[in-house]
Structure formats: structure tokens, C-alpha cells
């Protein structure tokens, strides 16, 4: 199962972490893992590319952690909320494979 944790301070996303594998299908064919990975990696890359924020992040097989340490601009918040919207959609469709604590 994929576990996603979203941390907020004063209604602002300040961190998120993703751990685990969905187990929906064999590696390379798991659309649930692929969906979650694409949404999260795209959000990190978008923050790095389209904003001036410099988050701390670390990725390894089945794990991703992201933290904003010096606040964030409105664009970063929009990108992160968009990621969360997509993740909630995946979790709604595959609740036995993805959990989100927001």
C-alpha cells in the first residue's frame, strides 16, 4: 500500500511524504504506483522549475519526502494543492492501494 502524508501549517502545505508500493500489479505494470509517482515527481519538478522556492527533498525506491523550510510563494502552494487533488482522485479510485492523511 502507498501511504501519503501531507503536513500543513496555517492552511499552507509545508511538507509531504510518500512511502510504499501499491501492489496493484507487477512492477512496471502498476498503474497506481505510476500515477502517484508521476503526480508527486511532477509537483517537485514544477516547484523547482517554475518558482523561486528551494525545498528539501529526497527520493528513493518507493519513498519521497518534500519539505519547504523557508515558507513558499503562492505558485508553490497552487502546484502542491494540484498534486493533492490528483492524489485524492487516485486514492478515491483505488482506496485499497492508496491512503492519504491530510
Protein backbone atom coordinates (compact mmCIF):
# COMPACT_ATOMS: atom_id res chain seq x y z
CA UNK A 1 0.00 0.00 0.00
CA UNK A 2 1.09 3.57 -0.69
CA UNK A 3 0.85 5.91 2.30
CA UNK A 4 0.82 9.65 1.69
CA UNK A 5 1.14 12.19 4.49
CA UNK A 6 0.51 15.90 3.94
CA UNK A 7 1.67 18.39 6.56
CA UNK A 8 0.16 21.84 6.80
CA UNK A 9 0.81 24.91 8.89
CA UNK A 10 -1.79 27.66 8.88
CA UNK A 11 -3.52 26.11 5.84
CA UNK A 12 -0.28 26.06 3.86
CA UNK A 13 1.31 22.82 2.67
CA UNK A 14 4.77 22.66 4.24
CA UNK A 15 5.70 19.01 3.60
CA UNK A 16 4.58 15.72 2.18
CA UNK A 17 5.89 12.19 2.19
CA UNK A 18 5.05 9.13 0.13
CA UNK A 19 6.06 5.63 1.17
CA UNK A 20 5.44 2.13 -0.07
CA UNK A 21 4.26 0.40 -3.20
CA UNK A 22 0.65 -0.12 -4.25
CA UNK A 23 0.88 -3.78 -5.10
CA UNK A 24 -1.84 -3.33 -7.70
CA UNK A 25 0.17 -5.14 -10.38
CA UNK A 26 3.67 -6.39 -11.11
CA UNK A 27 6.50 -3.88 -11.17
CA UNK A 28 6.45 -1.98 -14.45
CA UNK A 29 2.70 -2.57 -14.87
CA UNK A 30 1.38 -0.97 -11.70
CA UNK A 31 -0.77 1.95 -12.85
CA UNK A 32 -1.46 3.04 -9.28
CA UNK A 33 2.25 3.38 -8.43
CA UNK A 34 2.88 5.06 -11.76
CA UNK A 35 0.07 7.57 -11.19
CA UNK A 36 1.21 8.51 -7.70
CA UNK A 37 4.84 8.74 -8.81
CA UNK A 38 4.03 10.91 -11.81
CA UNK A 39 1.91 13.32 -9.77
CA UNK A 40 4.49 13.69 -6.99
CA UNK A 41 7.61 13.90 -9.14
CA UNK A 42 5.92 16.40 -11.46
CA UNK A 43 4.98 18.57 -8.48
CA UNK A 44 8.55 18.56 -7.15
CA UNK A 45 9.99 19.30 -10.58
CA UNK A 46 7.42 22.07 -11.17
CA UNK A 47 8.23 23.77 -7.87
CA UNK A 48 11.94 23.62 -8.70
CA UNK A 49 11.43 24.87 -12.27
CA UNK A 50 8.63 27.42 -12.03
CA UNK A 51 9.14 29.01 -8.61
CA UNK A 52 11.97 30.54 -6.62
CA UNK A 53 11.35 28.24 -3.65
CA UNK A 54 14.12 25.82 -2.70
CA UNK A 55 12.54 22.83 -0.96
CA UNK A 56 14.42 19.97 0.64
CA UNK A 57 13.51 16.67 -0.99
CA UNK A 58 14.76 13.12 -1.15
CA UNK A 59 13.65 10.25 -3.35
CA UNK A 60 14.48 6.56 -3.29
CA UNK A 61 12.74 3.38 -4.36
CA UNK A 62 9.19 3.66 -3.03
CA UNK A 63 9.84 6.77 -0.91
CA UNK A 64 9.68 10.52 -1.49
CA UNK A 65 9.92 13.28 1.09
CA UNK A 66 9.50 17.00 0.41
CA UNK A 67 9.75 19.92 2.84
CA UNK A 68 9.56 23.67 2.49
CA UNK A 69 11.89 25.20 5.05
CA UNK A 70 11.61 28.94 4.37
CA UNK A 71 7.97 29.48 3.52
CA UNK A 72 6.62 29.36 -0.01
CA UNK A 73 5.20 31.50 -2.74
CA UNK A 74 1.57 31.26 -3.89
CA UNK A 75 2.61 29.39 -7.05
CA UNK A 76 4.20 26.62 -4.97
CA UNK A 77 1.03 26.26 -2.94
CA UNK A 78 -1.03 26.04 -6.13
CA UNK A 79 1.25 23.34 -7.54
CA UNK A 80 1.13 21.33 -4.30
CA UNK A 81 -2.67 21.64 -3.98
CA UNK A 82 -2.98 20.47 -7.58
CA UNK A 83 -0.82 17.43 -6.75
CA UNK A 84 -3.00 16.69 -3.71
CA UNK A 85 -6.16 16.93 -5.82
CA UNK A 86 -4.75 14.36 -8.24
CA UNK A 87 -3.59 12.08 -5.41
CA UNK A 88 -7.02 12.19 -3.79
CA UNK A 89 -8.57 11.20 -7.11
CA UNK A 90 -6.26 8.17 -7.34
CA UNK A 91 -6.98 7.28 -3.69
CA UNK A 92 -10.74 7.55 -4.33
CA UNK A 93 -10.48 5.15 -7.28
CA UNK A 94 -8.08 2.73 -5.55
CA UNK A 95 -8.72 3.04 -1.79
CA UNK A 96 -7.29 -0.40 -1.03
CA UNK A 97 -3.94 0.66 -2.54
CA UNK A 98 -3.52 4.34 -1.53
CA UNK A 99 -4.15 6.16 1.75
CA UNK A 100 -3.79 9.89 2.35
CA UNK A 101 -3.54 11.68 5.67
CA UNK A 102 -4.11 15.38 5.06
